[in-house]
Amino acid sequence: GANVTLSAALGSSDAPEDDAAVPFALEHRVDLRGEQARLARARVERSATNMERLPRVDVAADWGASGAHASDAIATRQVAIAASVPLFDGLRRESRLSEQGAVIEQAVVRERDLQDAIQTDVRSALLDLSSGREQLAVAAERLSLAEQELAQARDRFENGVAGNIEIINAQASLVRARDADIEARYAVASARVALARAAGA
């Protein structure tokens, strides 16, 4: 029963189960990538608004033939170059730049806060996983001792050295040890699931 359903691999994912989990999470969390994309877009928009301050040069060219007949037509060309310098737009550009700067600052803060939260979540899951593994090691040792105790109690009973109550007590200890093993396996599996979620796996 329990050893099959709560196997050692239960809850496993692609997320590393060591210090590499934090960089993995920072690379794989979809919400962080979304925040980084919003920040990049805000920076591009501010850059585009800044570019509006630069002078603009427009070039136009026209070529054609002029004359009553194709045989006596002469070629005509016209080239125009125009430069425009943005001087005053009613401070709308400055207002947009200020607004975009505020959006960038907020996005930077949100990205940093999200990174901190991700790192905290991953480290917490790693601590829970480490604790669960320690709990599992203790439970395995306790289970082994309980099985030995039961075997010895049966041996003593068969040899007439001990009574039935010693076997009953040893069986109760074995049941408690199995329960502790199940709880430890559950703790490890739960920590792995939490780690997978925190790491974006």
Protein backbone atom coordinates (compact mmCIF):
# COMPACT_ATOMS: atom_id res chain seq x y z
CA GLY A 1 0.00 0.00 0.00
CA ALA A 2 1.71 3.11 1.31
CA ASN A 3 5.15 2.39 -0.12
CA VAL A 4 3.68 2.09 -3.62
CA THR A 5 1.44 5.16 -3.58
CA LEU A 6 3.91 7.35 -1.66
CA SER A 7 6.98 6.36 -3.66
CA ALA A 8 10.32 8.17 -3.31
CA ALA A 9 9.76 9.96 -6.66
CA LEU A 10 6.29 11.30 -5.81
CA GLY A 11 6.03 15.04 -6.51
CA SER A 12 9.23 15.15 -8.57
CA SER A 13 9.54 17.75 -11.33
CA ASP A 14 12.14 19.37 -13.58
CA ALA A 15 12.99 21.83 -10.78
CA PRO A 16 16.45 21.20 -9.28
CA GLU A 17 16.29 20.16 -5.63
CA ASP A 18 19.36 22.18 -4.60
CA ASP A 19 20.75 25.75 -4.84
CA ALA A 20 20.26 25.68 -8.62
CA ALA A 21 16.50 25.95 -7.98
CA VAL A 22 16.61 29.74 -7.49
CA PRO A 23 18.23 30.55 -10.87
CA PHE A 24 15.94 27.94 -12.47
CA ALA A 25 12.89 29.70 -10.99
CA LEU A 26 14.06 33.15 -12.09
CA GLU A 27 14.35 31.77 -15.62
CA HIS A 28 11.14 29.72 -15.74
CA ARG A 29 8.51 31.65 -13.79
CA VAL A 30 5.94 32.91 -16.32
CA ASP A 31 4.77 35.78 -14.10
CA LEU A 32 8.33 37.12 -13.85
CA ARG A 33 8.84 36.89 -17.62
CA GLY A 34 5.58 38.81 -18.07
CA GLU A 35 6.76 41.54 -15.70
CA GLN A 36 10.11 41.72 -17.53
CA ALA A 37 8.28 42.05 -20.86
CA ARG A 38 6.15 44.91 -19.48
CA LEU A 39 9.29 46.66 -18.27
CA ALA A 40 11.00 46.22 -21.66
CA ARG A 41 7.92 47.58 -23.46
CA ALA A 42 7.78 50.62 -21.15
CA ARG A 43 11.47 51.33 -21.85
CA VAL A 44 10.93 51.05 -25.61
CA GLU A 45 7.96 53.43 -25.44
CA ARG A 46 10.01 55.96 -23.49
CA SER A 47 12.86 55.64 -25.97
CA ALA A 48 10.44 56.22 -28.86
CA THR A 49 9.07 59.33 -27.15
CA ASN A 50 12.65 60.56 -26.63
CA MET A 51 13.33 60.04 -30.34
CA GLU A 52 10.51 62.48 -31.14
CA ARG A 53 12.86 65.26 -29.96
CA LEU A 54 15.31 64.56 -32.80
CA PRO A 55 15.11 66.52 -36.06
CA ARG A 56 13.42 64.67 -38.90
CA VAL A 57 14.67 64.70 -42.50
CA ASP A 58 12.27 63.88 -45.37
CA VAL A 59 13.47 63.31 -48.93
CA ALA A 60 11.18 63.22 -51.96
CA ALA A 61 12.13 62.64 -55.61
CA ASP A 62 10.15 62.77 -58.87
CA TRP A 63 11.25 61.85 -62.39
CA GLY A 64 9.27 62.06 -65.56
CA ALA A 65 9.18 63.12 -69.25
CA SER A 66 7.74 66.42 -70.51
CA GLY A 67 6.78 67.21 -74.12
CA ALA A 68 3.97 67.06 -76.71
CA HIS A 69 5.38 63.92 -78.37
CA ALA A 70 7.46 61.08 -76.98
CA SER A 71 10.18 61.79 -79.57
CA ASP A 72 10.81 65.38 -78.45
CA ALA A 73 10.14 64.81 -74.69
CA ILE A 74 12.77 65.90 -72.26
CA ALA A 75 13.48 64.29 -68.91
CA THR A 76 12.43 66.23 -65.82
CA ARG A 77 13.64 65.64 -62.30
CA GLN A 78 12.69 67.13 -59.02
CA VAL A 79 14.30 66.46 -55.66
CA ALA A 80 13.14 67.91 -52.36
CA ILE A 81 14.74 67.70 -48.96
CA ALA A 82 12.89 68.94 -45.91
CA ALA A 83 14.12 69.07 -42.34
CA SER A 84 11.76 69.56 -39.43
CA VAL A 85 12.87 70.35 -35.90
CA PRO A 86 10.33 69.70 -33.11
CA LEU A 87 10.41 72.77 -30.92
CA PHE A 88 7.16 73.02 -29.01
CA ASP A 89 4.27 70.61 -28.64
CA GLY A 90 2.46 72.15 -25.71
CA LEU A 91 4.60 70.11 -23.24
CA ARG A 92 2.70 66.95 -24.20
CA ARG A 93 5.95 65.10 -24.94
CA GLU A 94 7.46 66.05 -21.57
CA SER A 95 4.28 64.93 -19.83
CA ARG A 96 4.39 61.57 -21.65
CA LEU A 97 8.09 61.15 -20.78
CA SER A 98 7.37 61.84 -17.12
CA GLU A 99 4.46 59.38 -17.13
CA GLN A 100 6.53 56.72 -18.89
CA GLY A 101 9.35 57.25 -16.37
CA ALA A 102 6.91 56.60 -13.53
CA VAL A 103 5.63 53.45 -15.28
CA ILE A 104 9.23 52.21 -15.65
CA GLU A 105 10.00 52.89 -11.97
CA GLN A 106 6.88 50.99 -10.89
CA ALA A 107 7.72 48.08 -13.22
CA VAL A 108 11.28 47.91 -11.84
CA VAL A 109 9.92 47.79 -8.27
CA ARG A 110 7.34 45.11 -9.19
CA GLU A 111 10.00 43.02 -10.94
CA ARG A 112 12.37 43.27 -7.95
CA ASP A 113 9.56 42.43 -5.49
CA LEU A 114 8.50 39.46 -7.59
CA GLN A 115 12.11 38.20 -7.80
CA ASP A 116 12.41 38.48 -4.00
CA ALA A 117 9.11 36.63 -3.50
CA ILE A 118 10.16 33.87 -5.92
CA GLN A 119 13.50 33.41 -4.16
CA THR A 120 11.75 33.27 -0.77
CA ASP A 121 9.21 30.72 -2.04
CA VAL A 122 11.92 28.52 -3.56
CA ARG A 123 14.16 28.65 -0.48
CA SER A 124 11.18 27.87 1.78
CA ALA A 125 10.28 24.84 -0.36
CA LEU A 126 13.93 23.69 -0.31
CA LEU A 127 13.97 23.95 3.51
CA ASP A 128 10.73 21.96 3.71
CA LEU A 129 12.21 19.35 1.37
CA SER A 130 15.37 19.07 3.46
CA SER A 131 13.31 18.76 6.64
CA GLY A 132 11.10 16.12 5.00
CA ARG A 133 14.16 14.11 3.95
CA GLU A 134 15.54 14.22 7.49
CA GLN A 135 12.12 13.16 8.80
CA LEU A 136 12.13 10.31 6.26
CA ALA A 137 15.58 9.12 7.36
CA VAL A 138 14.50 9.08 11.02
CA ALA A 139 11.25 7.30 10.11
CA ALA A 140 13.14 4.64 8.10
CA GLU A 141 15.44 3.98 11.05
CA ARG A 142 12.47 3.82 13.43
CA LEU A 143 10.67 1.43 11.06
CA SER A 144 13.71 -0.85 10.89
CA LEU A 145 14.00 -0.91 14.70
CA ALA A 146 10.27 -1.63 15.08
CA GLU A 147 10.52 -4.56 12.64
CA GLN A 148 13.52 -5.94 14.59
CA GLU A 149 11.64 -5.47 17.88
CA LEU A 150 8.65 -7.42 16.54
CA ALA A 151 10.88 -10.23 15.23
CA GLN A 152 12.62 -10.48 18.61
CA ALA A 153 9.31 -10.44 20.50
CA ARG A 154 7.98 -13.29 18.32
CA ASP A 155 11.21 -15.22 18.84
CA ARG A 156 11.01 -14.80 22.63
CA PHE A 157 7.32 -15.76 22.59
CA GLU A 158 8.03 -18.93 20.59
CA ASN A 159 10.79 -19.84 23.05
CA GLY A 160 8.44 -19.25 25.98
CA VAL A 161 10.52 -16.39 27.40
CA ALA A 162 7.89 -13.64 26.85
CA GLY A 163 4.12 -13.34 26.75
CA ASN A 164 1.67 -12.32 24.05
CA ILE A 165 1.56 -8.73 25.33
CA GLU A 166 5.15 -8.10 24.18
CA ILE A 167 4.17 -9.05 20.60
CA ILE A 168 1.12 -6.77 20.78
CA ASN A 169 3.29 -3.87 22.01
CA ALA A 170 5.86 -4.51 19.25
CA GLN A 171 3.09 -4.59 16.61
CA ALA A 172 1.75 -1.25 17.92
CA SER A 173 5.25 0.23 17.67
CA LEU A 174 5.51 -1.04 14.10
CA VAL A 175 2.16 0.58 13.18
CA ARG A 176 3.33 3.91 14.64
CA ALA A 177 6.64 3.63 12.76
CA ARG A 178 4.78 2.95 9.50
CA ASP A 179 2.55 5.99 10.13
CA ALA A 180 5.65 8.14 10.72
CA ASP A 181 7.14 6.82 7.46
CA ILE A 182 3.95 7.70 5.56
CA GLU A 183 3.91 11.21 7.08
CA ALA A 184 7.56 11.73 6.12
CA ARG A 185 6.95 10.56 2.54
CA TYR A 186 3.96 12.91 2.33
CA ALA A 187 6.07 15.80 3.66
CA VAL A 188 8.74 15.17 0.98
CA ALA A 189 6.14 14.91 -1.80
CA SER A 190 4.38 18.10 -0.63
CA ALA A 191 7.68 20.00 -0.48
CA ARG A 192 8.50 18.84 -4.02
CA VAL A 193 5.12 20.04 -5.28
CA ALA A 194 5.66 23.41 -3.56
CA LEU A 195 9.14 23.62 -5.08
CA ALA A 196 7.81 22.84 -8.56
CA ARG A 197 5.18 25.56 -8.21
CA ALA A 198 7.66 28.11 -6.82
CA ALA A 199 10.22 27.30 -9.54
CA GLY A 200 7.72 27.45 -12.40
CA ALA A 201 8.36 23.84 -13.39
